[in-house]
Amino acid sequence: MTAPTQAIIQEYEVLPALRELFRHHPVLEKSGIETLRKALFVLRFLSYRPDTFVVESALEVLHVEGEVLA
């Protein structure tokens, strides 16, 4: 389990990384959380595999802002 402060720090990194990932690979917008976690790390948008909760939170922000329509 990720500590709350670490999750907050990760969230600030994950949101822009997701935006960049979707900009380069729009097909991934319809992917599940685990696929996105792996893609962020494997495709080098992040240097670590982020926590599931953090990716879900960042995706929620993108949905609310209308950036992800999936």
Protein backbone atom coordinates (compact mmCIF):
# COMPACT_ATOMS: atom_id res chain seq x y z
CA MET A 1 0.00 0.00 0.00
CA THR A 2 1.28 3.45 -0.87
CA ALA A 3 1.59 5.98 1.93
CA PRO A 4 -0.82 8.94 1.56
CA THR A 5 1.92 11.53 1.05
CA GLN A 6 3.63 9.36 -1.54
CA ALA A 7 0.30 8.91 -3.35
CA ILE A 8 -0.19 12.69 -3.46
CA ILE A 9 3.31 13.18 -4.89
CA GLN A 10 2.70 10.43 -7.45
CA GLU A 11 -0.61 11.98 -8.48
CA TYR A 12 1.15 15.19 -9.50
CA GLU A 13 3.45 13.11 -11.71
CA VAL A 14 0.86 10.68 -13.07
CA LEU A 15 -1.67 13.22 -14.38
CA PRO A 16 0.73 14.94 -16.83
CA ALA A 17 2.24 11.55 -17.72
CA LEU A 18 -1.21 10.21 -18.63
CA ARG A 19 -1.92 13.29 -20.73
CA GLU A 20 1.34 12.78 -22.59
CA LEU A 21 0.72 9.03 -22.98
CA PHE A 22 -2.72 9.64 -24.50
CA ARG A 23 -1.32 12.35 -26.77
CA HIS A 24 1.24 9.92 -28.20
CA HIS A 25 -0.91 6.77 -28.02
CA PRO A 26 -4.62 7.76 -28.18
CA VAL A 27 -5.70 4.13 -28.60
CA LEU A 28 -4.71 3.56 -24.94
CA GLU A 29 -7.55 5.84 -23.75
CA LYS A 30 -9.82 2.78 -23.78
CA SER A 31 -7.38 0.63 -21.80
CA GLY A 32 -7.83 -0.64 -18.27
CA ILE A 33 -5.95 0.59 -15.20
CA GLU A 34 -3.39 -2.22 -15.19
CA THR A 35 -2.56 -1.67 -18.86
CA LEU A 36 -2.13 2.06 -18.25
CA ARG A 37 0.07 1.46 -15.20
CA LYS A 38 2.30 -0.81 -17.26
CA ALA A 39 2.33 1.50 -20.30
CA LEU A 40 3.34 4.52 -18.21
CA PHE A 41 6.38 2.60 -16.99
CA VAL A 42 7.29 0.54 -20.06
CA LEU A 43 6.91 3.43 -22.52
CA ARG A 44 9.02 5.59 -20.17
CA PHE A 45 6.48 8.24 -19.31
CA LEU A 46 7.31 7.45 -15.65
CA SER A 47 10.34 5.83 -14.05
CA TYR A 48 8.14 3.64 -11.82
CA ARG A 49 4.85 1.76 -12.07
CA PRO A 50 2.33 3.98 -10.27
CA ASP A 51 -0.16 2.76 -7.69
CA THR A 52 -3.56 1.67 -9.04
CA PHE A 53 -5.42 4.21 -6.92
CA VAL A 54 -3.25 7.06 -8.21
CA VAL A 55 -3.89 6.11 -11.87
CA GLU A 56 -7.63 5.83 -11.17
CA SER A 57 -7.62 9.25 -9.52
CA ALA A 58 -5.74 10.83 -12.42
CA LEU A 59 -8.13 9.25 -14.92
CA GLU A 60 -11.08 10.63 -12.98
CA VAL A 61 -9.59 14.12 -13.25
CA LEU A 62 -9.18 13.67 -17.00
CA HIS A 63 -12.80 12.46 -17.29
CA VAL A 64 -14.09 15.45 -15.33
CA GLU A 65 -12.02 17.83 -17.47
CA GLY A 66 -13.39 16.14 -20.60
CA GLU A 67 -10.00 15.02 -21.84
CA VAL A 68 -10.82 11.30 -21.87
CA LEU A 69 -14.08 10.23 -23.44
CA ALA A 70 -13.70 6.47 -22.91
